[in-house]
PDB file of N, CA and C in Angstrom:
ATOM      1  N   MET A   1     103.479-164.547 -45.500  1.00  0.00           N
ATOM      2  CA  MET A   1     103.858-163.224 -45.643  1.00  0.00           C
ATOM      3  C   MET A   1     102.724-162.194 -45.227  1.00  0.00           C
ATOM      4  N   VAL A   2     101.499-162.665 -45.544  1.00  0.00           N
ATOM      5  CA  VAL A   2     100.300-161.830 -45.074  1.00  0.00           C
ATOM      6  C   VAL A   2     100.161-161.896 -43.612  1.00  0.00           C
ATOM      7  N   LEU A   3     100.394-163.155 -43.164  1.00  0.00           N
ATOM      8  CA  LEU A   3     100.258-163.318 -41.636  1.00  0.00           C
ATOM      9  C   LEU A   3     101.197-162.450 -40.920  1.00  0.00           C
ATOM     10  N   GLU A   4     102.478-162.349 -41.434  1.00  0.00           N
ATOM     11  CA  GLU A   4     103.486-161.515 -40.753  1.00  0.00           C
ATOM     12  C   GLU A   4     103.080-160.032 -40.661  1.00  0.00           C
ATOM     13  N   ASN A   5     102.552-159.653 -41.830  1.00  0.00           N
ATOM     14  CA  ASN A   5     102.178-158.236 -41.875  1.00  0.00           C
ATOM     15  C   ASN A   5     100.992-157.927 -40.978  1.00  0.00           C
ATOM     16  N   GLU A   6     100.154-158.852 -40.879  1.00  0.00           N
ATOM     17  CA  GLU A   6      98.956-158.702 -39.928  1.00  0.00           C
ATOM     18  C   GLU A   6      99.298-158.775 -38.525  1.00  0.00           C
ATOM     19  N   THR A   7     100.209-159.634 -38.333  1.00  0.00           N
ATOM     20  CA  THR A   7     100.851-159.751 -36.864  1.00  0.00           C
ATOM     21  C   THR A   7     101.577-158.511 -36.518  1.00  0.00           C
ATOM     22  N   VAL A   8     102.435-157.905 -37.471  1.00  0.00           N
ATOM     23  CA  VAL A   8     103.155-156.729 -37.074  1.00  0.00           C
ATOM     24  C   VAL A   8     102.192-155.589 -36.910  1.00  0.00           C
ATOM     25  N   SER A   9     101.229-155.562 -37.681  1.00  0.00           N
ATOM     26  CA  SER A   9     100.172-154.423 -37.479  1.00  0.00           C
ATOM     27  C   SER A   9      99.435-154.517 -36.309  1.00  0.00           C
ATOM     28  N   ALA A  10      99.088-155.886 -35.948  1.00  0.00           N
ATOM     29  CA  ALA A  10      98.300-155.962 -34.629  1.00  0.00           C
ATOM     30  C   ALA A  10      99.106-155.494 -33.548  1.00  0.00           C
ATOM     31  N   ILE A  11     100.464-156.050 -33.506  1.00  0.00           N
ATOM     32  CA  ILE A  11     101.366-155.774 -32.418  1.00  0.00           C
ATOM     33  C   ILE A  11     101.582-154.178 -32.285  1.00  0.00           C
ATOM     34  N   SER A  12     101.742-153.532 -33.533  1.00  0.00           N
ATOM     35  CA  SER A  12     101.859-152.183 -33.557  1.00  0.00           C
ATOM     36  C   SER A  12     100.629-151.308 -32.886  1.00  0.00           C
ATOM     37  N   LEU A  13      99.446-151.849 -33.312  1.00  0.00           N
ATOM     38  CA  LEU A  13      98.177-151.373 -32.811  1.00  0.00           C
ATOM     39  C   LEU A  13      98.132-151.502 -31.243  1.00  0.00           C
ATOM     40  N   LEU A  14      98.408-152.884 -30.871  1.00  0.00           N
ATOM     41  CA  LEU A  14      98.390-153.004 -29.450  1.00  0.00           C
ATOM     42  C   LEU A  14      99.430-152.151 -28.694  1.00  0.00           C
ATOM     43  N   SER A  15     100.610-152.012 -29.107  1.00  0.00           N
ATOM     44  CA  SER A  15     101.718-151.207 -28.444  1.00  0.00           C
ATOM     45  C   SER A  15     101.140-149.768 -28.494  1.00  0.00           C
ATOM     46  N   GLN A  16     100.615-149.263 -29.472  1.00  0.00           N
ATOM     47  CA  GLN A  16     100.159-147.765 -29.487  1.00  0.00           C
ATOM     48  C   GLN A  16      99.015-147.656 -28.445  1.00  0.00           C
ATOM     49  N   GLU A  17      98.126-148.699 -28.372  1.00  0.00           N
ATOM     50  CA  GLU A  17      96.983-148.649 -27.400  1.00  0.00           C
ATOM     51  C   GLU A  17      97.499-148.671 -25.922  1.00  0.00           C
ATOM     52  N   ILE A  18      98.620-149.493 -25.707  1.00  0.00           N
ATOM     53  CA  ILE A  18      99.191-149.543 -24.359  1.00  0.00           C
ATOM     54  C   ILE A  18      99.898-148.183 -24.123  1.00  0.00           C
ATOM     55  N   LEU A  19     100.535-147.723 -25.002  1.00  0.00           N
ATOM     56  CA  LEU A  19     101.256-146.388 -24.828  1.00  0.00           C
ATOM     57  C   LEU A  19     100.266-145.290 -24.502  1.00  0.00           C
ATOM     58  N   SER A  20      99.102-145.353 -25.203  1.00  0.00           N
ATOM     59  CA  SER A  20      98.136-144.368 -25.042  1.00  0.00           C
ATOM     60  C   SER A  20      97.606-144.387 -23.570  1.00  0.00           C
ATOM     61  N   LYS A  21      97.345-145.683 -23.061  1.00  0.00           N
ATOM     62  CA  LYS A  21      97.003-145.855 -21.834  1.00  0.00           C
ATOM     63  C   LYS A  21      97.894-145.421 -20.682  1.00  0.00           C
ATOM     64  N   ILE A  22      99.091-145.660 -20.909  1.00  0.00           N
ATOM     65  CA  ILE A  22     100.170-145.404 -19.975  1.00  0.00           C
ATOM     66  C   ILE A  22     100.269-143.894 -20.046  1.00  0.00           C
ATOM     67  N   GLY A  23     100.240-143.251 -21.144  1.00  0.00           N
ATOM     68  CA  GLY A  23     100.152-141.701 -21.216  1.00  0.00           C
ATOM     69  C   GLY A  23      99.073-141.205 -20.414  1.00  0.00           C
ATOM     70  N   TRP A  24      97.879-141.596 -20.570  1.00  0.00           N
ATOM     71  CA  TRP A  24      96.781-141.145 -19.746  1.00  0.00           C
ATOM     72  C   TRP A  24      96.996-141.479 -18.369  1.00  0.00           C
ATOM     73  N   ILE A  25      97.550-142.486 -17.816  1.00  0.00           N
ATOM     74  CA  ILE A  25      97.765-142.851 -16.390  1.00  0.00           C
ATOM     75  C   ILE A  25      98.859-141.820 -15.883  1.00  0.00           C
ATOM     76  N   ILE A  26      99.860-141.536 -16.588  1.00  0.00           N
ATOM     77  CA  ILE A  26     100.922-140.540 -16.185  1.00  0.00           C
ATOM     78  C   ILE A  26     100.143-139.215 -16.087  1.00  0.00           C
ATOM     79  N   GLN A  27      99.302-138.935 -16.881  1.00  0.00           N
ATOM     80  CA  GLN A  27      98.658-137.488 -16.873  1.00  0.00           C
ATOM     81  C   GLN A  27      97.793-137.445 -15.579  1.00  0.00           C
ATOM     82  N   ALA A  28      97.010-138.499 -15.255  1.00  0.00           N
ATOM     83  CA  ALA A  28      96.235-138.664 -14.048  1.00  0.00           C
ATOM     84  C   ALA A  28      97.010-138.432 -12.828  1.00  0.00           C
ATOM     85  N   ILE A  29      98.063-139.212 -12.821  1.00  0.00           N
ATOM     86  CA  ILE A  29      99.123-139.146 -11.631  1.00  0.00           C
ATOM     87  C   ILE A  29      99.609-137.749 -11.508  1.00  0.00           C
ATOM     88  N   GLY A  30     100.029-137.186 -12.456  1.00  0.00           N
ATOM     89  CA  GLY A  30     100.496-135.740 -12.582  1.00  0.00           C
ATOM     90  C   GLY A  30      99.356-134.865 -11.985  1.00  0.00           C
ATOM     91  N   GLY A  31      98.246-134.924 -12.416  1.00  0.00           N
ATOM     92  CA  GLY A  31      97.185-134.137 -11.945  1.00  0.00           C
ATOM     93  C   GLY A  31      96.896-134.270 -10.456  1.00  0.00           C
ATOM     94  N   LEU A  32      96.905-135.551 -10.049  1.00  0.00           N
ATOM     95  CA  LEU A  32      96.752-135.842  -8.568  1.00  0.00           C
ATOM     96  C   LEU A  32      97.938-135.176  -7.747  1.00  0.00           C
ATOM     97  N   LEU A  33      99.098-135.354  -8.243  1.00  0.00           N
ATOM     98  CA  LEU A  33     100.217-134.774  -7.704  1.00  0.00           C
ATOM     99  C   LEU A  33     100.139-133.181  -7.575  1.00  0.00           C
ATOM    100  N   VAL A  34      99.605-132.615  -8.525  1.00  0.00           N
ATOM    101  CA  VAL A  34      99.473-131.110  -8.390  1.00  0.00           C
ATOM    102  C   VAL A  34      98.455-130.673  -7.258  1.00  0.00           C
ATOM    103  N   ILE A  35      97.338-131.553  -7.286  1.00  0.00           N
ATOM    104  CA  ILE A  35      96.342-131.315  -6.240  1.00  0.00           C
ATOM    105  C   ILE A  35      96.857-131.534  -4.820  1.00  0.00           C
ATOM    106  N   TYR A  36      97.735-132.633  -4.714  1.00  0.00           N
ATOM    107  CA  TYR A  36      98.325-132.881  -3.419  1.00  0.00           C
ATOM    108  C   TYR A  36      99.133-131.751  -2.982  1.00  0.00           C
ATOM    109  N   ILE A  37     100.113-131.150  -4.002  1.00  0.00           N
ATOM    110  CA  ILE A  37     101.065-130.150  -3.598  1.00  0.00           C
ATOM    111  C   ILE A  37     100.116-128.882  -3.195  1.00  0.00           C
ATOM    112  N   ILE A  38      99.135-128.524  -3.821  1.00  0.00           N
ATOM    113  CA  ILE A  38      98.290-127.485  -3.460  1.00  0.00           C
ATOM    114  C   ILE A  38      97.634-127.598  -2.086  1.00  0.00           C
ATOM    115  N   LEU A  39      97.284-128.906  -1.789  1.00  0.00           N
ATOM    116  CA  LEU A  39      96.705-129.063  -0.387  1.00  0.00           C
ATOM    117  C   LEU A  39      97.792-128.886   0.636  1.00  0.00           C
ATOM    118  N   ILE A  40      99.069-129.398   0.289  1.00  0.00           N
ATOM    119  CA  ILE A  40     100.159-129.221   1.091  1.00  0.00           C
ATOM    120  C   ILE A  40     100.477-127.891   1.563  1.00  0.00           C
ATOM    121  N   ILE A  41     100.322-127.020   0.567  1.00  0.00           N
ATOM    122  CA  ILE A  41     100.673-125.461   0.529  1.00  0.00           C
ATOM    123  C   ILE A  41      99.519-124.947   1.581  1.00  0.00           C
ATOM    124  N   VAL A  42      98.370-125.316   1.204  1.00  0.00           N
ATOM    125  CA  VAL A  42      97.341-124.686   2.084  1.00  0.00           C
ATOM    126  C   VAL A  42      97.567-125.087   3.565  1.00  0.00           C
ATOM    127  N   LYS A  43      97.847-126.312   3.793  1.00  0.00           N
ATOM    128  CA  LYS A  43      97.942-126.907   5.158  1.00  0.00           C
ATOM    129  C   LYS A  43      99.161-126.019   5.838  1.00  0.00           C
ATOM    130  N   ILE A  44     100.217-125.824   5.102  1.00  0.00           N
ATOM    131  CA  ILE A  44     101.408-125.180   5.677  1.00  0.00           C
ATOM    132  C   ILE A  44     101.023-123.734   6.064  1.00  0.00           C
ATOM    133  N   PHE A  45     100.139-122.989   5.279  1.00  0.00           N
ATOM    134  CA  PHE A  45      99.737-121.696   5.652  1.00  0.00           C
ATOM    135  C   PHE A  45      98.754-121.766   6.876  1.00  0.00           C
ATOM    136  N   THR A  46      97.948-122.734   7.002  1.00  0.00           N
ATOM    137  CA  THR A  46      97.057-122.853   8.085  1.00  0.00           C
ATOM    138  C   THR A  46      97.820-123.087   9.319  1.00  0.00           C
ATOM    139  N   ILE A  47      98.807-123.922   9.264  1.00  0.00           N
ATOM    140  CA  ILE A  47      99.540-124.254  10.479  1.00  0.00           C
ATOM    141  C   ILE A  47     100.469-122.987  10.938  1.00  0.00           C
ATOM    142  N   LYS A  48     100.958-122.089   9.957  1.00  0.00           N
ATOM    143  CA  LYS A  48     101.553-120.992  10.231  1.00  0.00           C
ATOM    144  C   LYS A  48     100.602-119.944  10.989  1.00  0.00           C
ATOM    145  N   LYS A  49      99.459-119.888  10.504  1.00  0.00           N
ATOM    146  CA  LYS A  49      98.401-118.968  11.070  1.00  0.00           C
ATOM    147  C   LYS A  49      98.023-119.593  12.555  1.00  0.00           C
ATOM    148  N   GLU A  50      97.885-120.866  12.690  1.00  0.00           N
ATOM    149  CA  GLU A  50      97.789-121.386  14.059  1.00  0.00           C
ATOM    150  C   GLU A  50      98.880-121.159  14.941  1.00  0.00           C
ATOM    151  N   LEU A  51     100.149-121.159  14.459  1.00  0.00           N
ATOM    152  CA  LEU A  51     101.214-120.985  15.338  1.00  0.00           C
ATOM    153  C   LEU A  51     101.264-119.504  15.672  1.00  0.00           C
ATOM    154  N   ASN A  52     100.797-118.516  14.936  1.00  0.00           N
ATOM    155  CA  ASN A  52     100.846-117.169  15.326  1.00  0.00           C
ATOM    156  C   ASN A  52      99.833-116.909  16.318  1.00  0.00           C
ATOM    157  N   ILE A  53      98.582-117.561  16.260  1.00  0.00           N
ATOM    158  CA  ILE A  53      97.642-117.480  17.184  1.00  0.00           C
ATOM    159  C   ILE A  53      98.134-118.102  18.637  1.00  0.00           C
ATOM    160  N   LEU A  54      98.773-119.229  18.543  1.00  0.00           N
ATOM    161  CA  LEU A  54      99.332-119.835  19.752  1.00  0.00           C
ATOM    162  C   LEU A  54     100.330-118.776  20.338  1.00  0.00           C
ATOM    163  N   LYS A  55     101.092-118.121  19.654  1.00  0.00           N
ATOM    164  CA  LYS A  55     102.079-117.181  20.202  1.00  0.00           C
ATOM    165  C   LYS A  55     101.449-115.875  20.907  1.00  0.00           C
ATOM    166  N   GLU A  56     100.357-115.553  20.190  1.00  0.00           N
ATOM    167  CA  GLU A  56      99.552-114.463  20.771  1.00  0.00           C
ATOM    168  C   GLU A  56      98.816-114.768  22.067  1.00  0.00           C
ATOM    169  N   VAL A  57      98.589-116.105  22.182  1.00  0.00           N
ATOM    170  CA  VAL A  57      97.723-116.378  23.368  1.00  0.00           C
ATOM    171  C   VAL A  57      98.729-116.626  24.433  1.00  0.00           C
ATOM    172  N   GLN A  58     100.001-117.075  24.184  1.00  0.00           N
ATOM    173  CA  GLN A  58     101.014-117.174  25.080  1.00  0.00           C
ATOM    174  C   GLN A  58     101.414-115.871  25.782  1.00  0.00           C
ATOM    175  N   LYS A  59     101.511-114.830  24.940  1.00  0.00           N
ATOM    176  CA  LYS A  59     101.851-113.571  25.276  1.00  0.00           C
ATOM    177  C   LYS A  59     100.664-113.003  26.245  1.00  0.00           C
ATOM    178  N   ASP A  60      99.443-113.306  25.869  1.00  0.00           N
ATOM    179  CA  ASP A  60      98.274-112.864  26.718  1.00  0.00           C
ATOM    180  C   ASP A  60      98.309-113.637  28.148  1.00  0.00           C
ATOM    181  N   LEU A  61      98.650-114.879  28.118  1.00  0.00           N
ATOM    182  CA  LEU A  61      98.728-115.589  29.394  1.00  0.00           C
ATOM    183  C   LEU A  61      99.807-114.966  30.274  1.00  0.00           C
ATOM    184  N   LYS A  62     100.968-114.609  29.681  1.00  0.00           N
ATOM    185  CA  LYS A  62     102.066-113.913  30.530  1.00  0.00           C
ATOM    186  C   LYS A  62     101.604-112.782  30.960  1.00  0.00           C
ATOM    187  N   ILE A  63     100.822-111.916  30.315  1.00  0.00           N
ATOM    188  CA  ILE A  63     100.304-110.532  30.756  1.00  0.00           C
ATOM    189  C   ILE A  63      99.342-110.808  31.907  1.00  0.00           C
ATOM    190  N   ILE A  64      98.504-111.969  31.688  1.00  0.00           N
ATOM    191  CA  ILE A  64      97.546-112.193  32.774  1.00  0.00           C
ATOM    192  C   ILE A  64      98.208-112.603  33.994  1.00  0.00           C
ATOM    193  N   LYS A  65      99.136-113.515  33.836  1.00  0.00           N
ATOM    194  CA  LYS A  65      99.872-114.005  35.059  1.00  0.00           C
ATOM    195  C   LYS A  65     100.532-112.704  35.765  1.00  0.00           C
ATOM    196  N   LYS A  66     101.136-111.795  35.033  1.00  0.00           N
ATOM    197  CA  LYS A  66     101.888-110.797  35.723  1.00  0.00           C
ATOM    198  C   LYS A  66     100.920-109.953  36.449  1.00  0.00           C
ATOM    199  N   LYS A  67      99.636-109.722  35.905  1.00  0.00           N
ATOM    200  CA  LYS A  67      98.686-108.969  36.443  1.00  0.00           C
ATOM    201  C   LYS A  67      98.062-109.565  37.744  1.00  0.00           C
ATOM    202  N   LEU A  68      97.871-110.850  37.656  1.00  0.00           N
ATOM    203  CA  LEU A  68      97.571-111.685  38.830  1.00  0.00           C
ATOM    204  C   LEU A  68      98.413-111.512  39.946  1.00  0.00           C
ATOM    205  N   LYS A  69      99.708-111.652  39.612  1.00  0.00           N
ATOM    206  CA  LYS A  69     100.754-111.550  40.763  1.00  0.00           C
ATOM    207  C   LYS A  69     100.821-110.248  41.429  1.00  0.00           C
ATOM    208  N   ILE A  70     100.502-109.227  40.655  1.00  0.00           N
ATOM    209  CA  ILE A  70     100.621-107.968  41.175  1.00  0.00           C
ATOM    210  C   ILE A  70      99.498-107.725  42.289  1.00  0.00           C
ATOM    211  N   LYS A  71      98.408-108.106  42.073  1.00  0.00           N
ATOM    212  CA  LYS A  71      97.226-108.000  43.013  1.00  0.00           C
ATOM    213  C   LYS A  71      97.657-108.844  44.195  1.00  0.00           C
TER     214      LYS A  71
END
């Protein structure tokens, strides 16, 4: 009877320890996911900015080509 109680308490402690570790791992993964999402958002904004710059350069090139054709 005493062995059963000790075994049950040992299993209970072990399962609590495992659940604690699993909870910590899930929190760490969640934190990494948040950082990853923030980096993706920053990348999207930089890509948009680069696209706007490319559009302006294309417009400038068209203007330059027109001016060169006139001469």
